[in-house]
């Protein structure tokens, strides 16, 4: 069964998430192998995410990687969200509350 093709906005969100996870790993000084081992995922999964081959990683994979990197899921969401708001030049209803 093939997956539905992502729209450009979803692709961009995946790129933003990927860049934040990659940046956090590099800043931590950890290798992909070390992160994968401690997060309980395969090194191929980490590499696939970082190279953009996995545009929409599984939630629990992202959660495990974020935990190991000291990032909260709220931080990741805010990072993706702030880029989207800046891109559109306007705040959404969610941002105003």
PDB file of N, CA and C in Angstrom:
ATOM      1  N   UNK A   1       0.842  -1.176   0.000  1.00  0.00           N
ATOM      2  CA  UNK A   1       0.000   0.000   0.000  1.00  0.00           C
ATOM      3  C   UNK A   1       0.889   1.241   0.000  1.00  0.00           C
ATOM      4  N   UNK A   2       0.644   2.150  -0.911  1.00  0.00           N
ATOM      5  CA  UNK A   2       1.468   3.353  -0.984  1.00  0.00           C
ATOM      6  C   UNK A   2       0.834   4.473  -0.156  1.00  0.00           C
ATOM      7  N   UNK A   3       1.699   5.363   0.303  1.00  0.00           N
ATOM      8  CA  UNK A   3       1.240   6.495   1.092  1.00  0.00           C
ATOM      9  C   UNK A   3       0.780   7.615   0.185  1.00  0.00           C
ATOM     10  N   UNK A   4      -0.158   8.406   0.687  1.00  0.00           N
ATOM     11  CA  UNK A   4      -0.638   9.573  -0.033  1.00  0.00           C
ATOM     12  C   UNK A   4       0.486  10.605  -0.115  1.00  0.00           C
ATOM     13  N   UNK A   5       0.622  11.241  -1.238  1.00  0.00           N
ATOM     14  CA  UNK A   5       1.665  12.254  -1.448  1.00  0.00           C
ATOM     15  C   UNK A   5       1.394  13.464  -0.542  1.00  0.00           C
ATOM     16  N   UNK A   6       2.463  13.970   0.092  1.00  0.00           N
ATOM     17  CA  UNK A   6       2.331  15.110   0.981  1.00  0.00           C
ATOM     18  C   UNK A   6       2.199  16.405   0.194  1.00  0.00           C
ATOM     19  N   UNK A   7       1.363  17.317   0.709  1.00  0.00           N
ATOM     20  CA  UNK A   7       1.268  18.620   0.071  1.00  0.00           C
ATOM     21  C   UNK A   7       2.506  19.441   0.451  1.00  0.00           C
ATOM     22  N   UNK A   8       2.768  20.521  -0.251  1.00  0.00           N
ATOM     23  CA  UNK A   8       3.979  21.312   0.009  1.00  0.00           C
ATOM     24  C   UNK A   8       4.090  21.809   1.462  1.00  0.00           C
ATOM     25  N   UNK A   9       2.995  22.159   2.085  1.00  0.00           N
ATOM     26  CA  UNK A   9       3.040  22.632   3.474  1.00  0.00           C
ATOM     27  C   UNK A   9       3.478  21.511   4.415  1.00  0.00           C
ATOM     28  N   UNK A  10       2.978  20.317   4.194  1.00  0.00           N
ATOM     29  CA  UNK A  10       3.374  19.176   5.023  1.00  0.00           C
ATOM     30  C   UNK A  10       4.835  18.822   4.780  1.00  0.00           C
ATOM     31  N   UNK A  11       5.282  18.919   3.549  1.00  0.00           N
ATOM     32  CA  UNK A  11       6.688  18.678   3.249  1.00  0.00           C
ATOM     33  C   UNK A  11       7.566  19.686   3.977  1.00  0.00           C
ATOM     34  N   UNK A  12       7.167  20.938   3.990  1.00  0.00           N
ATOM     35  CA  UNK A  12       7.938  21.991   4.661  1.00  0.00           C
ATOM     36  C   UNK A  12       7.996  21.735   6.171  1.00  0.00           C
ATOM     37  N   UNK A  13       6.876  21.343   6.765  1.00  0.00           N
ATOM     38  CA  UNK A  13       6.873  21.045   8.202  1.00  0.00           C
ATOM     39  C   UNK A  13       7.829  19.902   8.509  1.00  0.00           C
ATOM     40  N   UNK A  14       7.854  18.903   7.660  1.00  0.00           N
ATOM     41  CA  UNK A  14       8.781  17.790   7.844  1.00  0.00           C
ATOM     42  C   UNK A  14      10.224  18.241   7.749  1.00  0.00           C
ATOM     43  N   UNK A  15      10.525  19.136   6.826  1.00  0.00           N
ATOM     44  CA  UNK A  15      11.882  19.666   6.681  1.00  0.00           C
ATOM     45  C   UNK A  15      12.294  20.466   7.917  1.00  0.00           C
ATOM     46  N   UNK A  16      11.378  21.237   8.452  1.00  0.00           N
ATOM     47  CA  UNK A  16      11.666  22.036   9.640  1.00  0.00           C
ATOM     48  C   UNK A  16      11.931  21.128  10.832  1.00  0.00           C
ATOM     49  N   UNK A  17      11.094  20.125  11.011  1.00  0.00           N
ATOM     50  CA  UNK A  17      11.279  19.170  12.098  1.00  0.00           C
ATOM     51  C   UNK A  17      12.620  18.456  11.956  1.00  0.00           C
ATOM     52  N   UNK A  18      12.919  18.020  10.761  1.00  0.00           N
ATOM     53  CA  UNK A  18      14.180  17.333  10.489  1.00  0.00           C
ATOM     54  C   UNK A  18      15.368  18.230  10.825  1.00  0.00           C
ATOM     55  N   UNK A  19      15.299  19.485  10.405  1.00  0.00           N
ATOM     56  CA  UNK A  19      16.430  20.379  10.651  1.00  0.00           C
ATOM     57  C   UNK A  19      16.628  20.617  12.143  1.00  0.00           C
ATOM     58  N   UNK A  20      15.546  20.715  12.899  1.00  0.00           N
ATOM     59  CA  UNK A  20      15.670  20.942  14.352  1.00  0.00           C
ATOM     60  C   UNK A  20      16.257  19.727  15.049  1.00  0.00           C
ATOM     61  N   UNK A  21      15.808  18.529  14.697  1.00  0.00           N
ATOM     62  CA  UNK A  21      16.349  17.318  15.306  1.00  0.00           C
ATOM     63  C   UNK A  21      17.828  17.143  14.949  1.00  0.00           C
ATOM     64  N   UNK A  22      18.176  17.401  13.701  1.00  0.00           N
ATOM     65  CA  UNK A  22      19.567  17.277  13.272  1.00  0.00           C
ATOM     66  C   UNK A  22      20.444  18.288  13.990  1.00  0.00           C
ATOM     67  N   UNK A  23      19.969  19.520  14.064  1.00  0.00           N
ATOM     68  CA  UNK A  23      20.716  20.577  14.751  1.00  0.00           C
ATOM     69  C   UNK A  23      20.948  20.211  16.217  1.00  0.00           C
ATOM     70  N   UNK A  24      19.912  19.726  16.876  1.00  0.00           N
ATOM     71  CA  UNK A  24      20.033  19.360  18.295  1.00  0.00           C
ATOM     72  C   UNK A  24      21.025  18.217  18.484  1.00  0.00           C
ATOM     73  N   UNK A  25      20.992  17.241  17.592  1.00  0.00           N
ATOM     74  CA  UNK A  25      21.948  16.128  17.703  1.00  0.00           C
ATOM     75  C   UNK A  25      23.371  16.618  17.524  1.00  0.00           C
ATOM     76  N   UNK A  26      23.594  17.437  16.519  1.00  0.00           N
ATOM     77  CA  UNK A  26      24.953  17.940  16.269  1.00  0.00           C
ATOM     78  C   UNK A  26      25.450  18.806  17.425  1.00  0.00           C
ATOM     79  N   UNK A  27      24.593  19.666  17.944  1.00  0.00           N
ATOM     80  CA  UNK A  27      24.979  20.515  19.073  1.00  0.00           C
ATOM     81  C   UNK A  27      25.294  19.694  20.320  1.00  0.00           C
ATOM     82  N   UNK A  28      24.648  18.550  20.438  1.00  0.00           N
ATOM     83  CA  UNK A  28      24.896  17.695  21.598  1.00  0.00           C
ATOM     84  C   UNK A  28      26.221  16.946  21.471  1.00  0.00           C
ATOM     85  N   UNK A  29      26.784  16.935  20.252  1.00  0.00           N
ATOM     86  CA  UNK A  29      28.030  16.229  20.020  1.00  0.00           C
ATOM     87  C   UNK A  29      27.871  14.723  19.884  1.00  0.00           C
ATOM     88  N   UNK A  30      26.639  14.268  19.754  1.00  0.00           N
ATOM     89  CA  UNK A  30      26.381  12.829  19.654  1.00  0.00           C
ATOM     90  C   UNK A  30      26.352  12.378  18.213  1.00  0.00           C
ATOM     91  N   UNK A  31      26.736  11.142  18.020  1.00  0.00           N
ATOM     92  CA  UNK A  31      26.652  10.548  16.686  1.00  0.00           C
ATOM     93  C   UNK A  31      25.228  10.027  16.465  1.00  0.00           C
ATOM     94  N   UNK A  32      24.906   9.806  15.208  1.00  0.00           N
ATOM     95  CA  UNK A  32      23.601   9.212  14.876  1.00  0.00           C
ATOM     96  C   UNK A  32      23.477   7.835  15.528  1.00  0.00           C
ATOM     97  N   UNK A  33      24.581   7.102  15.559  1.00  0.00           N
ATOM     98  CA  UNK A  33      24.578   5.758  16.146  1.00  0.00           C
ATOM     99  C   UNK A  33      24.268   5.814  17.642  1.00  0.00           C
ATOM    100  N   UNK A  34      24.922   6.731  18.341  1.00  0.00           N
ATOM    101  CA  UNK A  34      24.711   6.876  19.784  1.00  0.00           C
ATOM    102  C   UNK A  34      23.268   7.276  20.087  1.00  0.00           C
ATOM    103  N   UNK A  35      22.753   8.245  19.337  1.00  0.00           N
ATOM    104  CA  UNK A  35      21.376   8.695  19.539  1.00  0.00           C
ATOM    105  C   UNK A  35      20.400   7.559  19.265  1.00  0.00           C
ATOM    106  N   UNK A  36      20.591   6.867  18.175  1.00  0.00           N
ATOM    107  CA  UNK A  36      19.688   5.767  17.816  1.00  0.00           C
ATOM    108  C   UNK A  36      19.663   4.705  18.910  1.00  0.00           C
ATOM    109  N   UNK A  37      20.835   4.337  19.377  1.00  0.00           N
ATOM    110  CA  UNK A  37      20.933   3.296  20.404  1.00  0.00           C
ATOM    111  C   UNK A  37      20.176   3.711  21.676  1.00  0.00           C
ATOM    112  N   UNK A  38      20.412   4.932  22.151  1.00  0.00           N
ATOM    113  CA  UNK A  38      19.773   5.361  23.397  1.00  0.00           C
ATOM    114  C   UNK A  38      18.276   5.630  23.238  1.00  0.00           C
ATOM    115  N   UNK A  39      17.855   5.981  22.026  1.00  0.00           N
ATOM    116  CA  UNK A  39      16.432   6.236  21.781  1.00  0.00           C
ATOM    117  C   UNK A  39      15.660   4.963  21.459  1.00  0.00           C
ATOM    118  N   UNK A  40      16.387   3.883  21.193  1.00  0.00           N
ATOM    119  CA  UNK A  40      15.721   2.620  20.886  1.00  0.00           C
ATOM    120  C   UNK A  40      15.189   2.536  19.470  1.00  0.00           C
ATOM    121  N   UNK A  41      15.838   3.242  18.555  1.00  0.00           N
ATOM    122  CA  UNK A  41      15.455   3.159  17.142  1.00  0.00           C
ATOM    123  C   UNK A  41      16.687   2.758  16.342  1.00  0.00           C
ATOM    124  N   UNK A  42      16.497   2.396  15.104  1.00  0.00           N
ATOM    125  CA  UNK A  42      17.641   1.995  14.292  1.00  0.00           C
ATOM    126  C   UNK A  42      18.407   3.224  13.818  1.00  0.00           C
ATOM    127  N   UNK A  43      19.691   3.030  13.596  1.00  0.00           N
ATOM    128  CA  UNK A  43      20.506   4.124  13.070  1.00  0.00           C
ATOM    129  C   UNK A  43      20.014   4.515  11.683  1.00  0.00           C
ATOM    130  N   UNK A  44      19.513   3.566  10.936  1.00  0.00           N
ATOM    131  CA  UNK A  44      18.962   3.881   9.615  1.00  0.00           C
ATOM    132  C   UNK A  44      17.753   4.810   9.736  1.00  0.00           C
ATOM    133  N   UNK A  45      16.956   4.635  10.780  1.00  0.00           N
ATOM    134  CA  UNK A  45      15.817   5.534  10.996  1.00  0.00           C
ATOM    135  C   UNK A  45      16.299   6.953  11.238  1.00  0.00           C
ATOM    136  N   UNK A  46      17.294   7.118  12.104  1.00  0.00           N
ATOM    137  CA  UNK A  46      17.837   8.452  12.385  1.00  0.00           C
ATOM    138  C   UNK A  46      18.404   9.064  11.103  1.00  0.00           C
ATOM    139  N   UNK A  47      19.181   8.307  10.377  1.00  0.00           N
ATOM    140  CA  UNK A  47      19.778   8.826   9.137  1.00  0.00           C
ATOM    141  C   UNK A  47      18.715   9.171   8.098  1.00  0.00           C
ATOM    142  N   UNK A  48      17.700   8.342   8.010  1.00  0.00           N
ATOM    143  CA  UNK A  48      16.623   8.578   7.055  1.00  0.00           C
ATOM    144  C   UNK A  48      15.872   9.869   7.380  1.00  0.00           C
ATOM    145  N   UNK A  49      15.638  10.101   8.664  1.00  0.00           N
ATOM    146  CA  UNK A  49      14.975  11.341   9.079  1.00  0.00           C
ATOM    147  C   UNK A  49      15.873  12.531   8.753  1.00  0.00           C
ATOM    148  N   UNK A  50      17.132  12.446   9.141  1.00  0.00           N
ATOM    149  CA  UNK A  50      18.052  13.565   8.938  1.00  0.00           C
ATOM    150  C   UNK A  50      18.304  13.888   7.471  1.00  0.00           C
ATOM    151  N   UNK A  51      18.243  12.902   6.619  1.00  0.00           N
ATOM    152  CA  UNK A  51      18.463  13.139   5.189  1.00  0.00           C
ATOM    153  C   UNK A  51      17.171  13.493   4.454  1.00  0.00           C
ATOM    154  N   UNK A  52      16.051  13.512   5.180  1.00  0.00           N
ATOM    155  CA  UNK A  52      14.782  13.891   4.572  1.00  0.00           C
ATOM    156  C   UNK A  52      14.096  12.785   3.810  1.00  0.00           C
ATOM    157  N   UNK A  53      14.593  11.557   3.935  1.00  0.00           N
ATOM    158  CA  UNK A  53      13.947  10.428   3.243  1.00  0.00           C
ATOM    159  C   UNK A  53      12.676  10.004   3.959  1.00  0.00           C
ATOM    160  N   UNK A  54      12.577  10.326   5.246  1.00  0.00           N
ATOM    161  CA  UNK A  54      11.368  10.057   6.012  1.00  0.00           C
ATOM    162  C   UNK A  54      10.733  11.407   6.322  1.00  0.00           C
ATOM    163  N   UNK A  55       9.783  11.795   5.509  1.00  0.00           N
ATOM    164  CA  UNK A  55       9.188  13.124   5.628  1.00  0.00           C
ATOM    165  C   UNK A  55       8.268  13.248   6.843  1.00  0.00           C
ATOM    166  N   UNK A  56       7.644  12.135   7.208  1.00  0.00           N
ATOM    167  CA  UNK A  56       6.726  12.158   8.348  1.00  0.00           C
ATOM    168  C   UNK A  56       7.062  11.008   9.289  1.00  0.00           C
ATOM    169  N   UNK A  57       8.059  11.215  10.147  1.00  0.00           N
ATOM    170  CA  UNK A  57       8.433  10.148  11.074  1.00  0.00           C
ATOM    171  C   UNK A  57       7.306   9.855  12.058  1.00  0.00           C
ATOM    172  N   UNK A  58       7.283   8.645  12.550  1.00  0.00           N
ATOM    173  CA  UNK A  58       6.273   8.232  13.522  1.00  0.00           C
ATOM    174  C   UNK A  58       6.379   9.076  14.788  1.00  0.00           C
ATOM    175  N   UNK A  59       5.251   9.340  15.409  1.00  0.00           N
ATOM    176  CA  UNK A  59       5.205  10.159  16.618  1.00  0.00           C
ATOM    177  C   UNK A  59       6.131   9.624  17.703  1.00  0.00           C
ATOM    178  N   UNK A  60       6.072   8.340  17.979  1.00  0.00           N
ATOM    179  CA  UNK A  60       6.878   7.792  19.065  1.00  0.00           C
ATOM    180  C   UNK A  60       8.375   7.823  18.741  1.00  0.00           C
ATOM    181  N   UNK A  61       8.717   7.794  17.478  1.00  0.00           N
ATOM    182  CA  UNK A  61      10.112   7.948  17.086  1.00  0.00           C
ATOM    183  C   UNK A  61      10.576   9.369  17.382  1.00  0.00           C
ATOM    184  N   UNK A  62       9.775  10.345  16.988  1.00  0.00           N
ATOM    185  CA  UNK A  62      10.104  11.749  17.263  1.00  0.00           C
ATOM    186  C   UNK A  62      10.182  11.979  18.771  1.00  0.00           C
ATOM    187  N   UNK A  63       9.231  11.434  19.508  1.00  0.00           N
ATOM    188  CA  UNK A  63       9.226  11.605  20.967  1.00  0.00           C
ATOM    189  C   UNK A  63      10.475  11.013  21.599  1.00  0.00           C
ATOM    190  N   UNK A  64      10.888   9.839  21.160  1.00  0.00           N
ATOM    191  CA  UNK A  64      12.083   9.190  21.716  1.00  0.00           C
ATOM    192  C   UNK A  64      13.339   9.988  21.386  1.00  0.00           C
ATOM    193  N   UNK A  65      13.445  10.464  20.153  1.00  0.00           N
ATOM    194  CA  UNK A  65      14.613  11.260  19.767  1.00  0.00           C
ATOM    195  C   UNK A  65      14.647  12.580  20.529  1.00  0.00           C
ATOM    196  N   UNK A  66      13.496  13.228  20.629  1.00  0.00           N
ATOM    197  CA  UNK A  66      13.421  14.507  21.348  1.00  0.00           C
ATOM    198  C   UNK A  66      13.821  14.332  22.807  1.00  0.00           C
ATOM    199  N   UNK A  67      13.332  13.280  23.443  1.00  0.00           N
ATOM    200  CA  UNK A  67      13.669  13.016  24.843  1.00  0.00           C
ATOM    201  C   UNK A  67      15.170  12.853  25.013  1.00  0.00           C
ATOM    202  N   UNK A  68      15.782  12.078  24.144  1.00  0.00           N
ATOM    203  CA  UNK A  68      17.227  11.846  24.223  1.00  0.00           C
ATOM    204  C   UNK A  68      18.030  13.109  23.958  1.00  0.00           C
ATOM    205  N   UNK A  69      17.463  14.031  23.186  1.00  0.00           N
ATOM    206  CA  UNK A  69      18.156  15.273  22.857  1.00  0.00           C
ATOM    207  C   UNK A  69      17.817  16.413  23.816  1.00  0.00           C
ATOM    208  N   UNK A  70      16.958  16.123  24.792  1.00  0.00           N
ATOM    209  CA  UNK A  70      16.587  17.150  25.759  1.00  0.00           C
ATOM    210  C   UNK A  70      15.620  18.187  25.221  1.00  0.00           C
ATOM    211  N   UNK A  71      14.874  17.815  24.188  1.00  0.00           N
ATOM    212  CA  UNK A  71      13.874  18.706  23.609  1.00  0.00           C
ATOM    213  C   UNK A  71      12.488  18.252  24.046  1.00  0.00           C
ATOM    214  N   UNK A  72      11.638  19.188  24.330  1.00  0.00           N
ATOM    215  CA  UNK A  72      10.255  18.806  24.607  1.00  0.00           C
ATOM    216  C   UNK A  72       9.470  18.810  23.299  1.00  0.00           C
ATOM    217  N   UNK A  73       8.401  18.068  23.276  1.00  0.00           N
ATOM    218  CA  UNK A  73       7.556  18.069  22.083  1.00  0.00           C
ATOM    219  C   UNK A  73       6.935  19.444  21.881  1.00  0.00           C
ATOM    220  N   UNK A  74       6.684  20.151  22.980  1.00  0.00           N
ATOM    221  CA  UNK A  74       6.172  21.518  22.868  1.00  0.00           C
ATOM    222  C   UNK A  74       7.179  22.419  22.150  1.00  0.00           C
ATOM    223  N   UNK A  75       8.466  22.254  22.475  1.00  0.00           N
ATOM    224  CA  UNK A  75       9.515  23.029  21.802  1.00  0.00           C
ATOM    225  C   UNK A  75       9.530  22.739  20.307  1.00  0.00           C
ATOM    226  N   UNK A  76       9.453  21.476  19.967  1.00  0.00           N
ATOM    227  CA  UNK A  76       9.465  21.107  18.551  1.00  0.00           C
ATOM    228  C   UNK A  76       8.261  21.691  17.828  1.00  0.00           C
ATOM    229  N   UNK A  77       7.106  21.597  18.449  1.00  0.00           N
ATOM    230  CA  UNK A  77       5.895  22.141  17.836  1.00  0.00           C
ATOM    231  C   UNK A  77       6.023  23.652  17.657  1.00  0.00           C
ATOM    232  N   UNK A  78       6.516  24.330  18.701  1.00  0.00           N
ATOM    233  CA  UNK A  78       6.670  25.785  18.631  1.00  0.00           C
ATOM    234  C   UNK A  78       7.654  26.168  17.527  1.00  0.00           C
ATOM    235  N   UNK A  79       8.707  25.383  17.367  1.00  0.00           N
ATOM    236  CA  UNK A  79       9.700  25.644  16.329  1.00  0.00           C
ATOM    237  C   UNK A  79       9.061  25.553  14.947  1.00  0.00           C
ATOM    238  N   UNK A  80       8.302  24.506  14.720  1.00  0.00           N
ATOM    239  CA  UNK A  80       7.625  24.333  13.436  1.00  0.00           C
ATOM    240  C   UNK A  80       6.571  25.420  13.254  1.00  0.00           C
ATOM    241  N   UNK A  81       5.845  25.698  14.301  1.00  0.00           N
ATOM    242  CA  UNK A  81       4.771  26.687  14.251  1.00  0.00           C
ATOM    243  C   UNK A  81       5.300  28.087  13.972  1.00  0.00           C
ATOM    244  N   UNK A  82       6.394  28.468  14.620  1.00  0.00           N
ATOM    245  CA  UNK A  82       6.930  29.818  14.433  1.00  0.00           C
ATOM    246  C   UNK A  82       7.411  30.017  13.007  1.00  0.00           C
ATOM    247  N   UNK A  83       7.974  28.997  12.413  1.00  0.00           N
ATOM    248  CA  UNK A  83       8.412  29.103  11.027  1.00  0.00           C
ATOM    249  C   UNK A  83       7.214  29.276  10.103  1.00  0.00           C
ATOM    250  N   UNK A  84       6.143  28.575  10.394  1.00  0.00           N
ATOM    251  CA  UNK A  84       4.938  28.686   9.555  1.00  0.00           C
ATOM    252  C   UNK A  84       4.334  30.069   9.672  1.00  0.00           C
ATOM    253  N   UNK A  85       4.292  30.645  10.876  1.00  0.00           N
ATOM    254  CA  UNK A  85       3.733  31.981  11.067  1.00  0.00           C
ATOM    255  C   UNK A  85       4.583  33.029  10.362  1.00  0.00           C
ATOM    256  N   UNK A  86       5.910  32.892  10.486  1.00  0.00           N
ATOM    257  CA  UNK A  86       6.819  33.842   9.842  1.00  0.00           C
ATOM    258  C   UNK A  86       6.691  33.758   8.322  1.00  0.00           C
ATOM    259  N   UNK A  87       6.513  32.523   7.836  1.00  0.00           N
ATOM    260  CA  UNK A  87       6.401  32.307   6.401  1.00  0.00           C
ATOM    261  C   UNK A  87       5.175  33.003   5.828  1.00  0.00           C
ATOM    262  N   UNK A  88       4.052  32.914   6.553  1.00  0.00           N
ATOM    263  CA  UNK A  88       2.810  33.501   6.056  1.00  0.00           C
ATOM    264  C   UNK A  88       2.729  34.988   6.354  1.00  0.00           C
ATOM    265  N   UNK A  89       3.538  35.465   7.325  1.00  0.00           N
ATOM    266  CA  UNK A  89       3.519  36.873   7.669  1.00  0.00           C
ATOM    267  C   UNK A  89       2.360  37.268   8.542  1.00  0.00           C
ATOM    268  N   UNK A  90       1.635  36.292   9.058  1.00  0.00           N
ATOM    269  CA  UNK A  90       0.495  36.606   9.900  1.00  0.00           C
ATOM    270  C   UNK A  90       0.286  35.541  10.952  1.00  0.00           C
ATOM    271  N   UNK A  91      -0.372  35.915  12.021  1.00  0.00           N
ATOM    272  CA  UNK A  91      -0.673  34.978  13.098  1.00  0.00           C
ATOM    273  C   UNK A  91      -1.971  34.255  12.785  1.00  0.00           C
ATOM    274  N   UNK A  92      -2.022  33.017  13.173  1.00  0.00           N
ATOM    275  CA  UNK A  92      -3.262  32.256  13.021  1.00  0.00           C
ATOM    276  C   UNK A  92      -4.127  32.441  14.251  1.00  0.00           C
ATOM    277  N   UNK A  93      -5.321  31.943  14.232  1.00  0.00           N
ATOM    278  CA  UNK A  93      -6.213  32.023  15.391  1.00  0.00           C
ATOM    279  C   UNK A  93      -5.603  31.314  16.593  1.00  0.00           C
ATOM    280  N   UNK A  94      -4.851  30.236  16.358  1.00  0.00           N
ATOM    281  CA  UNK A  94      -4.196  29.515  17.447  1.00  0.00           C
ATOM    282  C   UNK A  94      -3.136  30.367  18.130  1.00  0.00           C
ATOM    283  N   UNK A  95      -2.466  31.243  17.368  1.00  0.00           N
ATOM    284  CA  UNK A  95      -1.385  32.065  17.904  1.00  0.00           C
ATOM    285  C   UNK A  95      -1.907  33.233  18.725  1.00  0.00           C
ATOM    286  N   UNK A  96      -3.143  33.625  18.503  1.00  0.00           N
ATOM    287  CA  UNK A  96      -3.687  34.824  19.131  1.00  0.00           C
ATOM    288  C   UNK A  96      -4.203  34.539  20.530  1.00  0.00           C
ATOM    289  N   UNK A  97      -4.656  33.338  20.811  1.00  0.00           N
ATOM    290  CA  UNK A  97      -5.281  33.049  22.103  1.00  0.00           C
ATOM    291  C   UNK A  97      -4.356  33.131  23.279  1.00  0.00           C
TER     292      UNK A  97
END
